Amino acid sequence: MIALILLSALCGAVLAFRFPVMILIPVIMVAAALVIIVGSAQGADGSSIVFNAVGVAIAAQGGYLSGLYARGMMAASRAARRRAIQPDRQQTA
């Protein structure tokens, strides 16, 4: 369960660097389908399958959010570095 949630969060963070937020809908649907298939094959009861599917969905969204935050921090760092390298030139008349 923990490994599944960590993997889901990591996938969400990676997706945040490249795709818009709408990518979460198909990702969560595929992940939930996989959780249901694997849970059914293992003979798990319905409540644990639902719990795992919800956990995966929440972890993917949290990972996506943290990926967006990291992407924003990287962009801000690059912008600050560019400003430090190329300071604004003041024009004198």
PDB file of N, CA and C in Angstrom:
ATOM      1  N   MET A   1       0.824  -1.190   0.000  1.00  0.00           N
ATOM      2  CA  MET A   1       0.000   0.000   0.000  1.00  0.00           C
ATOM      3  C   MET A   1       0.867   1.252   0.000  1.00  0.00           C
ATOM      4  N   ILE A   2       1.868   1.285   0.862  1.00  0.00           N
ATOM      5  CA  ILE A   2       2.737   2.454   0.945  1.00  0.00           C
ATOM      6  C   ILE A   2       3.509   2.632  -0.359  1.00  0.00           C
ATOM      7  N   ALA A   3       4.018   1.539  -0.905  1.00  0.00           N
ATOM      8  CA  ALA A   3       4.762   1.619  -2.163  1.00  0.00           C
ATOM      9  C   ALA A   3       3.863   2.105  -3.290  1.00  0.00           C
ATOM     10  N   LEU A   4       2.631   1.665  -3.300  1.00  0.00           N
ATOM     11  CA  LEU A   4       1.680   2.072  -4.328  1.00  0.00           C
ATOM     12  C   LEU A   4       1.389   3.565  -4.242  1.00  0.00           C
ATOM     13  N   ILE A   5       1.216   4.064  -3.039  1.00  0.00           N
ATOM     14  CA  ILE A   5       0.944   5.485  -2.856  1.00  0.00           C
ATOM     15  C   ILE A   5       2.168   6.318  -3.202  1.00  0.00           C
ATOM     16  N   LEU A   6       3.353   5.880  -2.806  1.00  0.00           N
ATOM     17  CA  LEU A   6       4.561   6.627  -3.146  1.00  0.00           C
ATOM     18  C   LEU A   6       4.798   6.654  -4.650  1.00  0.00           C
ATOM     19  N   LEU A   7       4.565   5.535  -5.308  1.00  0.00           N
ATOM     20  CA  LEU A   7       4.716   5.491  -6.756  1.00  0.00           C
ATOM     21  C   LEU A   7       3.708   6.407  -7.440  1.00  0.00           C
ATOM     22  N   SER A   8       2.507   6.442  -6.946  1.00  0.00           N
ATOM     23  CA  SER A   8       1.476   7.308  -7.505  1.00  0.00           C
ATOM     24  C   SER A   8       1.842   8.787  -7.326  1.00  0.00           C
ATOM     25  N   ALA A   9       2.345   9.141  -6.154  1.00  0.00           N
ATOM     26  CA  ALA A   9       2.760  10.526  -5.908  1.00  0.00           C
ATOM     27  C   ALA A   9       3.939  10.914  -6.797  1.00  0.00           C
ATOM     28  N   LEU A  10       4.865  10.001  -6.981  1.00  0.00           N
ATOM     29  CA  LEU A  10       6.010  10.272  -7.842  1.00  0.00           C
ATOM     30  C   LEU A  10       5.569  10.462  -9.292  1.00  0.00           C
ATOM     31  N   CYS A  11       4.667   9.632  -9.750  1.00  0.00           N
ATOM     32  CA  CYS A  11       4.141   9.778 -11.115  1.00  0.00           C
ATOM     33  C   CYS A  11       3.415  11.111 -11.276  1.00  0.00           C
ATOM     34  N   GLY A  12       2.656  11.508 -10.278  1.00  0.00           N
ATOM     35  CA  GLY A  12       1.971  12.797 -10.331  1.00  0.00           C
ATOM     36  C   GLY A  12       2.949  13.955 -10.409  1.00  0.00           C
ATOM     37  N   ALA A  13       4.033  13.883  -9.645  1.00  0.00           N
ATOM     38  CA  ALA A  13       5.030  14.952  -9.669  1.00  0.00           C
ATOM     39  C   ALA A  13       5.736  15.026 -11.018  1.00  0.00           C
ATOM     40  N   VAL A  14       6.031  13.881 -11.596  1.00  0.00           N
ATOM     41  CA  VAL A  14       6.685  13.862 -12.914  1.00  0.00           C
ATOM     42  C   VAL A  14       5.738  14.422 -13.977  1.00  0.00           C
ATOM     43  N   LEU A  15       4.475  14.064 -13.901  1.00  0.00           N
ATOM     44  CA  LEU A  15       3.507  14.558 -14.878  1.00  0.00           C
ATOM     45  C   LEU A  15       3.319  16.072 -14.788  1.00  0.00           C
ATOM     46  N   ALA A  16       3.495  16.637 -13.615  1.00  0.00           N
ATOM     47  CA  ALA A  16       3.308  18.076 -13.438  1.00  0.00           C
ATOM     48  C   ALA A  16       4.330  18.885 -14.214  1.00  0.00           C
ATOM     49  N   PHE A  17       5.486  18.306 -14.477  1.00  0.00           N
ATOM     50  CA  PHE A  17       6.518  19.048 -15.186  1.00  0.00           C
ATOM     51  C   PHE A  17       6.216  19.169 -16.674  1.00  0.00           C
ATOM     52  N   ARG A  18       5.352  18.331 -17.202  1.00  0.00           N
ATOM     53  CA  ARG A  18       5.173  18.290 -18.651  1.00  0.00           C
ATOM     54  C   ARG A  18       3.734  18.519 -19.116  1.00  0.00           C
ATOM     55  N   PHE A  19       2.748  18.129 -18.321  1.00  0.00           N
ATOM     56  CA  PHE A  19       1.363  18.112 -18.786  1.00  0.00           C
ATOM     57  C   PHE A  19       0.479  19.042 -17.964  1.00  0.00           C
ATOM     58  N   PRO A  20      -0.641  19.506 -18.572  1.00  0.00           N
ATOM     59  CA  PRO A  20      -1.605  20.307 -17.800  1.00  0.00           C
ATOM     60  C   PRO A  20      -2.383  19.423 -16.827  1.00  0.00           C
ATOM     61  N   VAL A  21      -3.161  20.047 -15.984  1.00  0.00           N
ATOM     62  CA  VAL A  21      -3.837  19.347 -14.898  1.00  0.00           C
ATOM     63  C   VAL A  21      -4.845  18.312 -15.399  1.00  0.00           C
ATOM     64  N   MET A  22      -5.346  18.472 -16.606  1.00  0.00           N
ATOM     65  CA  MET A  22      -6.341  17.525 -17.121  1.00  0.00           C
ATOM     66  C   MET A  22      -5.769  16.126 -17.334  1.00  0.00           C
ATOM     67  N   ILE A  23      -4.458  15.971 -17.304  1.00  0.00           N
ATOM     68  CA  ILE A  23      -3.856  14.641 -17.446  1.00  0.00           C
ATOM     69  C   ILE A  23      -4.181  13.775 -16.235  1.00  0.00           C
ATOM     70  N   LEU A  24      -4.535  14.395 -15.128  1.00  0.00           N
ATOM     71  CA  LEU A  24      -4.823  13.623 -13.920  1.00  0.00           C
ATOM     72  C   LEU A  24      -6.077  12.757 -14.073  1.00  0.00           C
ATOM     73  N   ILE A  25      -7.022  13.194 -14.872  1.00  0.00           N
ATOM     74  CA  ILE A  25      -8.265  12.423 -15.019  1.00  0.00           C
ATOM     75  C   ILE A  25      -7.995  11.042 -15.618  1.00  0.00           C
ATOM     76  N   PRO A  26      -7.342  10.943 -16.781  1.00  0.00           N
ATOM     77  CA  PRO A  26      -7.082   9.594 -17.302  1.00  0.00           C
ATOM     78  C   PRO A  26      -6.088   8.806 -16.454  1.00  0.00           C
ATOM     79  N   VAL A  27      -5.133   9.488 -15.853  1.00  0.00           N
ATOM     80  CA  VAL A  27      -4.152   8.787 -15.010  1.00  0.00           C
ATOM     81  C   VAL A  27      -4.838   8.160 -13.804  1.00  0.00           C
ATOM     82  N   ILE A  28      -5.714   8.896 -13.164  1.00  0.00           N
ATOM     83  CA  ILE A  28      -6.422   8.373 -11.996  1.00  0.00           C
ATOM     84  C   ILE A  28      -7.366   7.248 -12.405  1.00  0.00           C
ATOM     85  N   MET A  29      -8.007   7.386 -13.565  1.00  0.00           N
ATOM     86  CA  MET A  29      -8.912   6.322 -14.017  1.00  0.00           C
ATOM     87  C   MET A  29      -8.146   5.029 -14.303  1.00  0.00           C
ATOM     88  N   VAL A  30      -7.002   5.148 -14.961  1.00  0.00           N
ATOM     89  CA  VAL A  30      -6.192   3.958 -15.254  1.00  0.00           C
ATOM     90  C   VAL A  30      -5.647   3.352 -13.964  1.00  0.00           C
ATOM     91  N   ALA A  31      -5.173   4.205 -13.059  1.00  0.00           N
ATOM     92  CA  ALA A  31      -4.636   3.696 -11.791  1.00  0.00           C
ATOM     93  C   ALA A  31      -5.731   3.007 -10.975  1.00  0.00           C
ATOM     94  N   ALA A  32      -6.914   3.593 -10.941  1.00  0.00           N
ATOM     95  CA  ALA A  32      -8.023   2.971 -10.200  1.00  0.00           C
ATOM     96  C   ALA A  32      -8.407   1.636 -10.826  1.00  0.00           C
ATOM     97  N   ALA A  33      -8.414   1.582 -12.153  1.00  0.00           N
ATOM     98  CA  ALA A  33      -8.734   0.316 -12.820  1.00  0.00           C
ATOM     99  C   ALA A  33      -7.689  -0.746 -12.487  1.00  0.00           C
ATOM    100  N   LEU A  34      -6.421  -0.358 -12.477  1.00  0.00           N
ATOM    101  CA  LEU A  34      -5.368  -1.315 -12.126  1.00  0.00           C
ATOM    102  C   LEU A  34      -5.493  -1.789 -10.683  1.00  0.00           C
ATOM    103  N   VAL A  35      -5.818  -0.869  -9.782  1.00  0.00           N
ATOM    104  CA  VAL A  35      -5.992  -1.243  -8.378  1.00  0.00           C
ATOM    105  C   VAL A  35      -7.157  -2.222  -8.233  1.00  0.00           C
ATOM    106  N   ILE A  36      -8.233  -1.957  -8.946  1.00  0.00           N
ATOM    107  CA  ILE A  36      -9.401  -2.849  -8.880  1.00  0.00           C
ATOM    108  C   ILE A  36      -9.057  -4.223  -9.443  1.00  0.00           C
ATOM    109  N   ILE A  37      -8.364  -4.253 -10.564  1.00  0.00           N
ATOM    110  CA  ILE A  37      -8.003  -5.543 -11.182  1.00  0.00           C
ATOM    111  C   ILE A  37      -7.069  -6.341 -10.280  1.00  0.00           C
ATOM    112  N   VAL A  38      -6.035  -5.690  -9.770  1.00  0.00           N
ATOM    113  CA  VAL A  38      -5.074  -6.395  -8.917  1.00  0.00           C
ATOM    114  C   VAL A  38      -5.725  -6.812  -7.606  1.00  0.00           C
ATOM    115  N   GLY A  39      -6.541  -5.930  -7.025  1.00  0.00           N
ATOM    116  CA  GLY A  39      -7.221  -6.267  -5.778  1.00  0.00           C
ATOM    117  C   GLY A  39      -8.175  -7.431  -5.941  1.00  0.00           C
ATOM    118  N   SER A  40      -8.878  -7.453  -7.060  1.00  0.00           N
ATOM    119  CA  SER A  40      -9.798  -8.564  -7.320  1.00  0.00           C
ATOM    120  C   SER A  40      -9.038  -9.865  -7.550  1.00  0.00           C
ATOM    121  N   ALA A  41      -7.917  -9.778  -8.252  1.00  0.00           N
ATOM    122  CA  ALA A  41      -7.123 -10.980  -8.514  1.00  0.00           C
ATOM    123  C   ALA A  41      -6.526 -11.551  -7.230  1.00  0.00           C
ATOM    124  N   GLN A  42      -6.226 -10.676  -6.282  1.00  0.00           N
ATOM    125  CA  GLN A  42      -5.666 -11.128  -5.006  1.00  0.00           C
ATOM    126  C   GLN A  42      -6.748 -11.559  -4.023  1.00  0.00           C
ATOM    127  N   GLY A  43      -7.987 -11.331  -4.351  1.00  0.00           N
ATOM    128  CA  GLY A  43      -9.078 -11.723  -3.477  1.00  0.00           C
ATOM    129  C   GLY A  43      -9.316 -10.769  -2.324  1.00  0.00           C
ATOM    130  N   ALA A  44      -8.953  -9.513  -2.497  1.00  0.00           N
ATOM    131  CA  ALA A  44      -9.154  -8.524  -1.442  1.00  0.00           C
ATOM    132  C   ALA A  44     -10.640  -8.160  -1.352  1.00  0.00           C
ATOM    133  N   ASP A  45     -11.056  -7.713  -0.160  1.00  0.00           N
ATOM    134  CA  ASP A  45     -12.450  -7.315  -0.018  1.00  0.00           C
ATOM    135  C   ASP A  45     -12.664  -5.928  -0.635  1.00  0.00           C
ATOM    136  N   GLY A  46     -13.915  -5.595  -0.867  1.00  0.00           N
ATOM    137  CA  GLY A  46     -14.258  -4.363  -1.583  1.00  0.00           C
ATOM    138  C   GLY A  46     -13.806  -3.093  -0.902  1.00  0.00           C
ATOM    139  N   SER A  47     -13.876  -3.067   0.427  1.00  0.00           N
ATOM    140  CA  SER A  47     -13.498  -1.839   1.129  1.00  0.00           C
ATOM    141  C   SER A  47     -12.002  -1.543   0.993  1.00  0.00           C
ATOM    142  N   SER A  48     -11.172  -2.561   1.011  1.00  0.00           N
ATOM    143  CA  SER A  48      -9.734  -2.318   0.871  1.00  0.00           C
ATOM    144  C   SER A  48      -9.386  -1.902  -0.558  1.00  0.00           C
ATOM    145  N   ILE A  49     -10.125  -2.425  -1.535  1.00  0.00           N
ATOM    146  CA  ILE A  49      -9.894  -2.018  -2.918  1.00  0.00           C
ATOM    147  C   ILE A  49     -10.268  -0.551  -3.106  1.00  0.00           C
ATOM    148  N   VAL A  50     -11.405  -0.153  -2.570  1.00  0.00           N
ATOM    149  CA  VAL A  50     -11.832   1.245  -2.657  1.00  0.00           C
ATOM    150  C   VAL A  50     -10.854   2.143  -1.909  1.00  0.00           C
ATOM    151  N   PHE A  51     -10.418   1.723  -0.735  1.00  0.00           N
ATOM    152  CA  PHE A  51      -9.451   2.493   0.043  1.00  0.00           C
ATOM    153  C   PHE A  51      -8.154   2.683  -0.737  1.00  0.00           C
ATOM    154  N   ASN A  52      -7.666   1.631  -1.373  1.00  0.00           N
ATOM    155  CA  ASN A  52      -6.441   1.730  -2.162  1.00  0.00           C
ATOM    156  C   ASN A  52      -6.634   2.639  -3.370  1.00  0.00           C
ATOM    157  N   ALA A  53      -7.777   2.534  -4.038  1.00  0.00           N
ATOM    158  CA  ALA A  53      -8.039   3.373  -5.206  1.00  0.00           C
ATOM    159  C   ALA A  53      -8.121   4.846  -4.822  1.00  0.00           C
ATOM    160  N   VAL A  54      -8.769   5.142  -3.715  1.00  0.00           N
ATOM    161  CA  VAL A  54      -8.852   6.527  -3.246  1.00  0.00           C
ATOM    162  C   VAL A  54      -7.475   7.027  -2.825  1.00  0.00           C
ATOM    163  N   GLY A  55      -6.702   6.180  -2.162  1.00  0.00           N
ATOM    164  CA  GLY A  55      -5.351   6.560  -1.764  1.00  0.00           C
ATOM    165  C   GLY A  55      -4.469   6.874  -2.958  1.00  0.00           C
ATOM    166  N   VAL A  56      -4.577   6.083  -4.002  1.00  0.00           N
ATOM    167  CA  VAL A  56      -3.800   6.323  -5.216  1.00  0.00           C
ATOM    168  C   VAL A  56      -4.227   7.639  -5.873  1.00  0.00           C
ATOM    169  N   ALA A  57      -5.517   7.907  -5.923  1.00  0.00           N
ATOM    170  CA  ALA A  57      -6.004   9.147  -6.529  1.00  0.00           C
ATOM    171  C   ALA A  57      -5.531  10.364  -5.746  1.00  0.00           C
ATOM    172  N   ILE A  58      -5.617  10.307  -4.431  1.00  0.00           N
ATOM    173  CA  ILE A  58      -5.177  11.429  -3.599  1.00  0.00           C
ATOM    174  C   ILE A  58      -3.666  11.624  -3.709  1.00  0.00           C
ATOM    175  N   ALA A  59      -2.918  10.536  -3.736  1.00  0.00           N
ATOM    176  CA  ALA A  59      -1.468  10.636  -3.849  1.00  0.00           C
ATOM    177  C   ALA A  59      -1.057  11.213  -5.197  1.00  0.00           C
ATOM    178  N   ALA A  60      -1.740  10.841  -6.269  1.00  0.00           N
ATOM    179  CA  ALA A  60      -1.418  11.392  -7.593  1.00  0.00           C
ATOM    180  C   ALA A  60      -1.674  12.892  -7.628  1.00  0.00           C
ATOM    181  N   GLN A  61      -2.771  13.308  -7.014  1.00  0.00           N
ATOM    182  CA  GLN A  61      -3.079  14.734  -6.985  1.00  0.00           C
ATOM    183  C   GLN A  61      -2.089  15.502  -6.116  1.00  0.00           C
ATOM    184  N   GLY A  62      -1.741  14.930  -4.978  1.00  0.00           N
ATOM    185  CA  GLY A  62      -0.739  15.575  -4.121  1.00  0.00           C
ATOM    186  C   GLY A  62       0.622  15.637  -4.784  1.00  0.00           C
ATOM    187  N   GLY A  63       0.994  14.582  -5.468  1.00  0.00           N
ATOM    188  CA  GLY A  63       2.250  14.584  -6.200  1.00  0.00           C
ATOM    189  C   GLY A  63       2.246  15.608  -7.312  1.00  0.00           C
ATOM    190  N   TYR A  64       1.121  15.726  -8.007  1.00  0.00           N
ATOM    191  CA  TYR A  64       1.001  16.726  -9.066  1.00  0.00           C
ATOM    192  C   TYR A  64       1.153  18.132  -8.484  1.00  0.00           C
ATOM    193  N   LEU A  65       0.516  18.369  -7.356  1.00  0.00           N
ATOM    194  CA  LEU A  65       0.611  19.678  -6.714  1.00  0.00           C
ATOM    195  C   LEU A  65       2.040  19.988  -6.293  1.00  0.00           C
ATOM    196  N   SER A  66       2.725  19.008  -5.716  1.00  0.00           N
ATOM    197  CA  SER A  66       4.119  19.248  -5.324  1.00  0.00           C
ATOM    198  C   SER A  66       5.013  19.417  -6.550  1.00  0.00           C
ATOM    199  N   GLY A  67       4.701  18.726  -7.648  1.00  0.00           N
ATOM    200  CA  GLY A  67       5.447  18.915  -8.885  1.00  0.00           C
ATOM    201  C   GLY A  67       5.254  20.310  -9.461  1.00  0.00           C
ATOM    202  N   LEU A  68       4.034  20.832  -9.379  1.00  0.00           N
ATOM    203  CA  LEU A  68       3.789  22.206  -9.819  1.00  0.00           C
ATOM    204  C   LEU A  68       4.571  23.200  -8.982  1.00  0.00           C
ATOM    205  N   TYR A  69       4.616  22.948  -7.690  1.00  0.00           N
ATOM    206  CA  TYR A  69       5.381  23.826  -6.797  1.00  0.00           C
ATOM    207  C   TYR A  69       6.865  23.782  -7.153  1.00  0.00           C
ATOM    208  N   ALA A  70       7.395  22.589  -7.376  1.00  0.00           N
ATOM    209  CA  ALA A  70       8.806  22.458  -7.737  1.00  0.00           C
ATOM    210  C   ALA A  70       9.091  23.126  -9.076  1.00  0.00           C
ATOM    211  N   ARG A  71       8.184  22.967 -10.033  1.00  0.00           N
ATOM    212  CA  ARG A  71       8.362  23.602 -11.337  1.00  0.00           C
ATOM    213  C   ARG A  71       8.360  25.121 -11.195  1.00  0.00           C
ATOM    214  N   GLY A  72       7.482  25.653 -10.360  1.00  0.00           N
ATOM    215  CA  GLY A  72       7.451  27.096 -10.119  1.00  0.00           C
ATOM    216  C   GLY A  72       8.716  27.600  -9.453  1.00  0.00           C
ATOM    217  N   MET A  73       9.229  26.845  -8.499  1.00  0.00           N
ATOM    218  CA  MET A  73      10.464  27.245  -7.834  1.00  0.00           C
ATOM    219  C   MET A  73      11.655  27.210  -8.795  1.00  0.00           C
ATOM    220  N   MET A  74      11.669  26.224  -9.677  1.00  0.00           N
ATOM    221  CA  MET A  74      12.745  26.149 -10.659  1.00  0.00           C
ATOM    222  C   MET A  74      12.669  27.317 -11.638  1.00  0.00           C
ATOM    223  N   ALA A  75      11.465  27.681 -12.056  1.00  0.00           N
ATOM    224  CA  ALA A  75      11.296  28.808 -12.972  1.00  0.00           C
ATOM    225  C   ALA A  75      11.700  30.115 -12.296  1.00  0.00           C
ATOM    226  N   ALA A  76      11.349  30.276 -11.044  1.00  0.00           N
ATOM    227  CA  ALA A  76      11.729  31.484 -10.315  1.00  0.00           C
ATOM    228  C   ALA A  76      13.237  31.561 -10.132  1.00  0.00           C
ATOM    229  N   SER A  77      13.856  30.434  -9.884  1.00  0.00           N
ATOM    230  CA  SER A  77      15.306  30.394  -9.733  1.00  0.00           C
ATOM    231  C   SER A  77      16.003  30.766 -11.034  1.00  0.00           C
ATOM    232  N   ARG A  78      15.490  30.220 -12.149  1.00  0.00           N
ATOM    233  CA  ARG A  78      16.076  30.558 -13.453  1.00  0.00           C
ATOM    234  C   ARG A  78      15.905  32.039 -13.768  1.00  0.00           C
ATOM    235  N   ALA A  79      14.749  32.593 -13.458  1.00  0.00           N
ATOM    236  CA  ALA A  79      14.500  34.008 -13.731  1.00  0.00           C
ATOM    237  C   ALA A  79      15.418  34.880 -12.885  1.00  0.00           C
ATOM    238  N   ALA A  80      15.618  34.519 -11.632  1.00  0.00           N
ATOM    239  CA  ALA A  80      16.509  35.289 -10.765  1.00  0.00           C
ATOM    240  C   ALA A  80      17.953  35.203 -11.253  1.00  0.00           C
ATOM    241  N   ARG A  81      18.330  34.031 -11.717  1.00  0.00           N
ATOM    242  CA  ARG A  81      19.689  33.859 -12.236  1.00  0.00           C
ATOM    243  C   ARG A  81      19.890  34.693 -13.496  1.00  0.00           C
ATOM    244  N   ARG A  82      18.869  34.731 -14.368  1.00  0.00           N
ATOM    245  CA  ARG A  82      18.964  35.538 -15.581  1.00  0.00           C
ATOM    246  C   ARG A  82      19.071  37.017 -15.257  1.00  0.00           C
ATOM    247  N   ARG A  83      18.300  37.457 -14.260  1.00  0.00           N
ATOM    248  CA  ARG A  83      18.370  38.867 -13.869  1.00  0.00           C
ATOM    249  C   ARG A  83      19.720  39.208 -13.286  1.00  0.00           C
ATOM    250  N   ALA A  84      20.331  38.270 -12.557  1.00  0.00           N
ATOM    251  CA  ALA A  84      21.637  38.531 -11.963  1.00  0.00           C
ATOM    252  C   ALA A  84      22.721  38.585 -13.031  1.00  0.00           C
ATOM    253  N   ILE A  85      22.580  37.777 -14.066  1.00  0.00           N
ATOM    254  CA  ILE A  85      23.572  37.761 -15.132  1.00  0.00           C
ATOM    255  C   ILE A  85      23.410  38.963 -16.047  1.00  0.00           C
ATOM    256  N   GLN A  86      22.186  39.324 -16.370  1.00  0.00           N
ATOM    257  CA  GLN A  86      21.909  40.437 -17.263  1.00  0.00           C
ATOM    258  C   GLN A  86      21.124  41.511 -16.520  1.00  0.00           C
ATOM    259  N   PRO A  87      21.811  42.356 -15.765  1.00  0.00           N
ATOM    260  CA  PRO A  87      21.067  43.396 -15.030  1.00  0.00           C
ATOM    261  C   PRO A  87      20.442  44.392 -15.997  1.00  0.00           C
ATOM    262  N   ASP A  88      19.379  45.019 -15.541  1.00  0.00           N
ATOM    263  CA  ASP A  88      18.712  46.039 -16.358  1.00  0.00           C
ATOM    264  C   ASP A  88      19.660  47.204 -16.563  1.00  0.00           C
ATOM    265  N   ARG A  89      19.719  47.652 -17.798  1.00  0.00           N
ATOM    266  CA  ARG A  89      20.567  48.807 -18.098  1.00  0.00           C
ATOM    267  C   ARG A  89      19.717  50.058 -17.998  1.00  0.00           C
ATOM    268  N   GLN A  90      20.215  51.008 -17.258  1.00  0.00           N
ATOM    269  CA  GLN A  90      19.489  52.264 -17.133  1.00  0.00           C
ATOM    270  C   GLN A  90      19.901  53.171 -18.286  1.00  0.00           C
ATOM    271  N   GLN A  91      18.919  53.734 -18.907  1.00  0.00           N
ATOM    272  CA  GLN A  91      19.212  54.631 -20.018  1.00  0.00           C
ATOM    273  C   GLN A  91      19.340  56.053 -19.472  1.00  0.00           C
ATOM    274  N   THR A  92      20.404  56.708 -19.869  1.00  0.00           N
ATOM    275  CA  THR A  92      20.598  58.095 -19.443  1.00  0.00           C
ATOM    276  C   THR A  92      20.389  58.984 -20.662  1.00  0.00           C
ATOM    277  N   ALA A  93      19.686  60.068 -20.445  1.00  0.00           N
ATOM    278  CA  ALA A  93      19.384  60.945 -21.572  1.00  0.00           C
ATOM    279  C   ALA A  93      20.351  62.068 -21.693  1.00  0.00           C
TER     280      ALA A  93
END
